[in-house]
Protein backbone atom coordinates (compact mmCIF):
# COMPACT_ATOMS: atom_id res chain seq x y z
CA MET A 1 -131.77 -40.93 -78.39
CA ARG A 2 -127.98 -40.23 -79.89
CA ILE A 3 -126.22 -39.41 -76.79
CA LEU A 4 -122.68 -38.65 -76.65
CA ILE A 5 -120.09 -38.99 -73.19
CA MET A 6 -117.79 -36.88 -72.87
CA GLY A 7 -114.43 -38.77 -71.30
CA ALA A 8 -114.62 -42.47 -70.26
CA GLY A 9 -112.60 -41.74 -67.06
CA LYS A 10 -114.91 -43.99 -63.83
CA MET A 11 -118.15 -41.94 -64.28
CA GLY A 12 -118.18 -41.43 -68.11
CA SER A 13 -117.50 -45.87 -68.92
CA PHE A 14 -120.49 -46.09 -65.75
CA PHE A 15 -123.09 -44.23 -67.96
CA ILE A 16 -121.75 -45.62 -71.24
CA ASP A 17 -122.21 -49.47 -69.64
CA LEU A 18 -125.87 -47.27 -68.57
CA LEU A 19 -126.94 -46.23 -71.70
CA SER A 20 -125.36 -48.30 -74.05
CA PHE A 21 -128.25 -50.60 -74.25
CA ASP A 22 -131.47 -48.42 -74.45
CA HIS A 23 -130.05 -45.33 -76.30
CA GLU A 24 -126.90 -44.96 -79.45
CA VAL A 25 -124.34 -43.75 -77.42
CA ALA A 26 -120.69 -42.18 -78.30
CA VAL A 27 -117.88 -41.64 -76.34
CA PHE A 28 -115.41 -38.80 -77.30
CA GLU A 29 -111.81 -39.09 -75.07
CA LYS A 30 -108.96 -37.68 -76.32
CA ASP A 31 -106.39 -40.61 -74.32
CA PRO A 32 -106.96 -43.67 -76.41
CA ARG A 33 -105.95 -45.87 -73.13
CA ARG A 34 -108.87 -45.05 -71.97
CA LEU A 35 -111.00 -46.31 -74.73
CA ARG A 36 -109.68 -49.78 -74.87
CA PHE A 37 -112.26 -51.08 -72.23
CA THR A 38 -115.37 -49.19 -73.71
CA TYR A 39 -117.88 -51.68 -75.99
CA ASN A 40 -121.22 -50.84 -77.29
CA CYS A 41 -120.54 -47.42 -78.03
CA GLN A 42 -118.83 -45.71 -81.15
CA ARG A 43 -115.48 -44.11 -80.07
CA PHE A 44 -114.63 -40.61 -81.14
CA GLN A 45 -111.27 -38.66 -81.10
CA LYS A 46 -111.96 -36.06 -83.65
CA PHE A 47 -114.12 -33.70 -83.25
CA GLU A 48 -115.70 -33.77 -86.60
CA GLU A 49 -116.34 -37.29 -85.45
CA VAL A 50 -119.02 -35.87 -83.07
CA LYS A 51 -120.48 -33.01 -85.66
CA GLU A 52 -121.34 -36.00 -88.25
CA PHE A 53 -122.91 -38.36 -85.04
CA ARG A 54 -125.53 -35.20 -84.45
CA PRO A 55 -125.87 -36.13 -80.58
CA GLU A 56 -128.98 -35.33 -79.28
CA LEU A 57 -127.93 -35.34 -75.34
CA VAL A 58 -124.48 -34.60 -74.55
CA ILE A 59 -123.22 -35.84 -70.33
CA ASN A 60 -119.47 -34.15 -69.61
CA ALA A 61 -118.02 -36.37 -67.50
CA VAL A 62 -114.33 -35.19 -67.79
CA THR A 63 -112.46 -34.20 -65.04
CA VAL A 64 -114.01 -31.00 -62.75
CA LYS A 65 -111.56 -28.90 -63.42
CA TYR A 66 -111.88 -29.11 -67.21
CA THR A 67 -115.84 -29.47 -67.18
CA ILE A 68 -116.29 -26.03 -68.84
CA SER A 69 -113.14 -25.66 -71.04
CA ALA A 70 -113.90 -29.31 -72.59
CA PHE A 71 -117.69 -28.09 -73.29
CA GLU A 72 -116.19 -25.22 -74.90
CA GLU A 73 -113.95 -27.15 -77.01
CA MET A 74 -117.27 -29.06 -78.25
CA LEU A 75 -120.03 -26.60 -78.57
CA PRO A 76 -119.30 -25.96 -82.01
CA TYR A 77 -119.48 -29.48 -83.41
CA LEU A 78 -123.05 -29.48 -81.61
CA PRO A 79 -126.66 -29.26 -83.40
CA LYS A 80 -128.26 -26.26 -81.52
CA GLU A 81 -130.78 -28.40 -79.99
CA CYS A 82 -128.29 -30.53 -78.45
CA ILE A 83 -128.90 -30.38 -74.82
CA ILE A 84 -125.55 -30.30 -73.09
CA SER A 85 -125.03 -31.62 -69.52
CA ASP A 86 -123.19 -32.01 -66.62
CA ILE A 87 -122.66 -34.44 -63.24
CA ALA A 88 -119.50 -32.17 -61.85
CA SER A 89 -120.11 -32.48 -58.20
CA VAL A 90 -118.54 -28.67 -57.84
CA LYS A 91 -120.86 -26.49 -59.80
CA THR A 92 -119.03 -23.35 -59.34
CA GLY A 93 -119.45 -21.03 -62.37
CA LEU A 94 -121.38 -23.15 -64.49
CA LYS A 95 -124.98 -21.46 -63.63
CA GLU A 96 -123.48 -18.16 -65.16
CA TRP A 97 -122.03 -20.55 -67.99
CA TYR A 98 -125.08 -22.48 -68.78
CA GLU A 99 -126.66 -19.08 -69.33
CA GLN A 100 -124.70 -17.40 -71.70
CA THR A 101 -124.29 -20.05 -74.46
CA GLY A 102 -128.38 -19.99 -75.20
CA ARG A 103 -127.95 -23.48 -75.44
CA PRO A 104 -130.92 -25.97 -73.42
CA PHE A 105 -129.20 -27.63 -70.18
CA VAL A 106 -129.44 -29.66 -67.37
CA SER A 107 -127.26 -30.30 -64.46
CA THR A 108 -127.17 -32.80 -61.95
CA HIS A 109 -125.02 -34.59 -59.81
CA PRO A 110 -124.63 -38.16 -58.94
CA MET A 111 -123.41 -38.31 -55.26
CA PHE A 112 -122.34 -41.77 -54.92
CA GLY A 113 -119.26 -41.31 -56.89
CA PRO A 114 -116.80 -44.17 -58.05
CA THR A 115 -114.45 -44.70 -54.79
CA PHE A 116 -116.60 -45.71 -52.23
CA ALA A 117 -120.15 -46.95 -53.25
CA ASN A 118 -121.26 -50.06 -55.18
CA LEU A 119 -122.12 -48.83 -58.43
CA ASN A 120 -124.34 -52.40 -58.34
CA GLN A 121 -126.45 -51.37 -55.90
CA LEU A 122 -126.99 -47.85 -55.43
CA SER A 123 -130.40 -47.96 -53.72
CA GLU A 124 -128.98 -46.45 -50.64
CA GLU A 125 -127.13 -43.40 -52.64
CA ASN A 126 -128.69 -40.15 -53.85
CA ALA A 127 -128.55 -37.88 -57.02
CA ILE A 128 -129.23 -34.30 -57.02
CA ILE A 129 -130.87 -32.49 -60.20
CA ILE A 130 -130.36 -29.10 -60.92
CA THR A 131 -134.29 -27.21 -61.28
CA GLU A 132 -132.66 -24.66 -63.55
CA GLY A 133 -132.25 -25.46 -67.07
CA ASP A 134 -134.47 -27.42 -69.83
CA TYR A 135 -137.49 -29.43 -68.58
CA MET A 136 -136.90 -32.49 -71.23
CA GLY A 137 -133.23 -33.03 -69.73
CA ARG A 138 -134.32 -32.98 -66.29
CA ILE A 139 -137.09 -35.39 -67.10
CA PHE A 140 -134.55 -37.80 -69.01
CA PHE A 141 -132.23 -37.80 -65.56
CA LYS A 142 -135.19 -38.04 -63.20
CA ASP A 143 -136.44 -41.02 -64.79
CA LEU A 144 -132.45 -42.88 -65.20
CA TYR A 145 -131.69 -42.74 -62.04
CA SER A 146 -135.19 -43.58 -60.62
CA ARG A 147 -134.91 -46.79 -62.41
CA LEU A 148 -131.39 -46.73 -60.79
CA GLY A 149 -133.21 -46.81 -57.25
CA LEU A 150 -131.29 -43.59 -56.31
CA ASN A 151 -133.02 -41.19 -53.90
CA ILE A 152 -133.40 -37.76 -55.89
CA TYR A 153 -133.34 -34.35 -54.76
CA GLU A 154 -134.30 -30.99 -56.99
CA TYR A 155 -132.78 -28.33 -55.93
CA SER A 156 -131.42 -24.94 -57.26
CA PHE A 157 -127.11 -24.22 -57.98
CA GLU A 158 -127.01 -22.07 -55.23
CA GLU A 159 -128.57 -24.66 -52.95
CA HIS A 160 -126.97 -27.73 -54.73
CA ASP A 161 -123.38 -25.54 -53.57
CA LYS A 162 -125.04 -25.16 -49.93
CA THR A 163 -125.38 -29.20 -49.53
CA VAL A 164 -121.98 -29.27 -50.79
CA ALA A 165 -120.68 -27.52 -48.56
CA TYR A 166 -122.00 -29.56 -45.73
CA SER A 167 -122.39 -33.27 -46.77
CA LEU A 168 -118.53 -33.22 -48.46
CA SER A 169 -116.42 -30.29 -46.69
CA ILE A 170 -117.13 -31.69 -43.03
CA PRO A 171 -115.99 -35.21 -43.65
CA PHE A 172 -113.11 -34.56 -46.13
CA VAL A 173 -111.76 -31.87 -43.38
CA SER A 174 -112.25 -34.48 -41.13
CA THR A 175 -110.19 -36.80 -42.86
CA PHE A 176 -107.65 -34.55 -43.73
CA VAL A 177 -107.27 -33.53 -39.73
CA PHE A 178 -107.36 -37.63 -39.04
CA ALA A 179 -104.50 -38.39 -42.13
CA ALA A 180 -102.38 -35.10 -40.67
CA VAL A 181 -101.91 -36.66 -37.04
CA MET A 182 -102.40 -40.61 -37.66
CA LYS A 183 -99.19 -42.54 -36.77
CA HIS A 184 -98.19 -46.06 -38.39
CA GLN A 185 -99.83 -48.42 -36.23
CA ASP A 186 -98.54 -52.11 -36.23
CA ALA A 187 -101.83 -53.73 -34.66
CA PRO A 188 -104.32 -51.13 -35.68
CA GLY A 189 -107.85 -51.50 -34.19
CA THR A 190 -111.29 -51.29 -36.48
CA THR A 191 -112.09 -47.86 -35.71
CA PHE A 192 -108.40 -47.17 -36.95
CA LYS A 193 -108.69 -49.48 -39.81
CA ARG A 194 -112.05 -47.70 -41.39
CA HIS A 195 -110.86 -44.08 -40.91
CA MET A 196 -107.65 -45.19 -42.66
CA ARG A 197 -110.17 -46.50 -45.26
CA ILE A 198 -111.50 -43.61 -45.88
CA ALA A 199 -108.46 -41.75 -45.89
CA LYS A 200 -106.91 -43.48 -48.72
CA GLY A 201 -110.63 -43.21 -50.41
CA VAL A 202 -110.80 -39.38 -50.11
CA LEU A 203 -106.85 -38.64 -51.18
CA ASN A 204 -107.20 -40.74 -54.23
CA GLU A 205 -109.83 -38.10 -55.39
CA ASP A 206 -108.31 -35.51 -58.03
CA ASP A 207 -106.48 -32.47 -56.18
CA TYR A 208 -108.82 -29.86 -58.32
CA LEU A 209 -112.11 -31.58 -56.91
CA LEU A 210 -110.89 -31.66 -53.36
CA GLN A 211 -109.57 -28.12 -53.62
CA GLU A 212 -113.14 -26.75 -55.40
CA ILE A 213 -114.83 -28.46 -52.60
CA LEU A 214 -113.08 -26.41 -50.20
CA PHE A 215 -113.08 -23.56 -51.73
CA ASN A 216 -117.44 -23.78 -52.08
CA PRO A 217 -118.32 -20.07 -50.60
CA TYR A 218 -120.50 -21.82 -48.51
CA THR A 219 -118.03 -24.31 -46.79
CA HIS A 220 -115.86 -21.80 -44.09
CA ASP A 221 -119.03 -21.79 -41.92
CA GLN A 222 -119.05 -25.63 -41.71
CA VAL A 223 -115.52 -25.92 -40.70
CA SER A 224 -115.75 -23.06 -38.63
CA GLN A 225 -118.16 -25.44 -36.69
CA ILE A 226 -115.65 -28.02 -36.20
CA ARG A 227 -112.79 -25.78 -35.14
CA THR A 228 -115.85 -24.93 -32.03
CA GLU A 229 -116.50 -28.60 -31.51
CA LEU A 230 -113.17 -29.11 -31.25
CA LYS A 231 -112.41 -26.42 -28.94
CA GLU A 232 -115.31 -27.43 -26.42
CA LEU A 233 -114.13 -31.25 -26.34
CA LEU A 234 -110.55 -29.89 -25.82
CA GLU A 235 -111.68 -28.22 -22.43
CA ILE A 236 -113.69 -31.24 -21.15
CA ILE A 237 -110.29 -33.17 -22.22
CA ASP A 238 -108.32 -30.93 -20.19
CA ASN A 239 -110.28 -30.36 -17.28
CA LYS A 240 -111.03 -33.87 -16.96
CA ASP A 241 -114.38 -32.88 -16.78
CA ALA A 242 -116.77 -36.14 -16.78
CA GLU A 243 -120.46 -34.91 -15.99
CA GLY A 244 -118.98 -32.56 -19.12
CA MET A 245 -118.13 -35.62 -21.14
CA LYS A 246 -121.14 -37.26 -20.20
CA GLY A 247 -123.51 -34.73 -21.81
CA TYR A 248 -121.26 -34.25 -24.60
CA LEU A 249 -121.74 -37.69 -25.89
CA LYS A 250 -125.47 -37.44 -25.54
CA LYS A 251 -125.72 -34.56 -27.39
CA ILE A 252 -123.86 -36.39 -30.24
CA ARG A 253 -125.73 -39.43 -29.73
CA ASP A 254 -128.88 -37.53 -29.79
CA ASN A 255 -127.43 -35.61 -33.24
CA VAL A 256 -126.85 -39.05 -34.68
CA ARG A 257 -130.42 -40.44 -33.44
CA ARG A 258 -132.15 -37.19 -35.32
CA ASP A 259 -130.78 -38.12 -38.31
CA ILE A 260 -131.71 -42.08 -38.44
CA GLU A 261 -134.89 -40.66 -37.20
CA ILE A 262 -135.31 -38.32 -40.00
CA LYS A 263 -134.20 -40.90 -43.03
CA ARG A 264 -137.12 -43.47 -42.18
């Protein structure tokens, strides 16, 4: 299959490496510096080159802020039958945009990302395939993610956004709060160092990505739960309520235990 990757960033390069030995792969990247370390693929900087390549599948791996605008630039140079796809972690507006193009499409979300995951060992990582879209496109990504050992979940666009609101907004906001109140420690403990590592990773993400995740319409209710829990915990601390603390710790341990049991 002739596959065009849009963008040679971390995820774009990952897909180039992943696909280039089994398919005829090309990458389109406007910044020539990002093309220095790509190999075993054709490298394009002009739309006319894409037109001559005639891709059968396009994987849009540009920064989430430019997902739709990059597609709109590229569409006139793609064959009508070419399947267009994205791997964006924020799907806001994509369903409506795809539908108005009248083109075959598939949308997925590899939830491991390049920040924390070991890209050589992904058996504990997840991927979402959106159920709306081209059947053959979904089969392609299902087979690809299966070969990587990823745990695959199939959600609608709406279900995806609800999942992201929970799985990303809660840890992101918790990290923001930690980073906002932390102070330099000359001799930090292990827990502090682990939180700091997470904070540095999250804050290295693109500002627009963080913004769009938090502006997800389903995020507010999730963040409100944090506020409710903090209020309860603060009351226990202020009252030095030993029994209340014991009950609170039991509640959260049971919550974590249930999650572990469900995964098993």
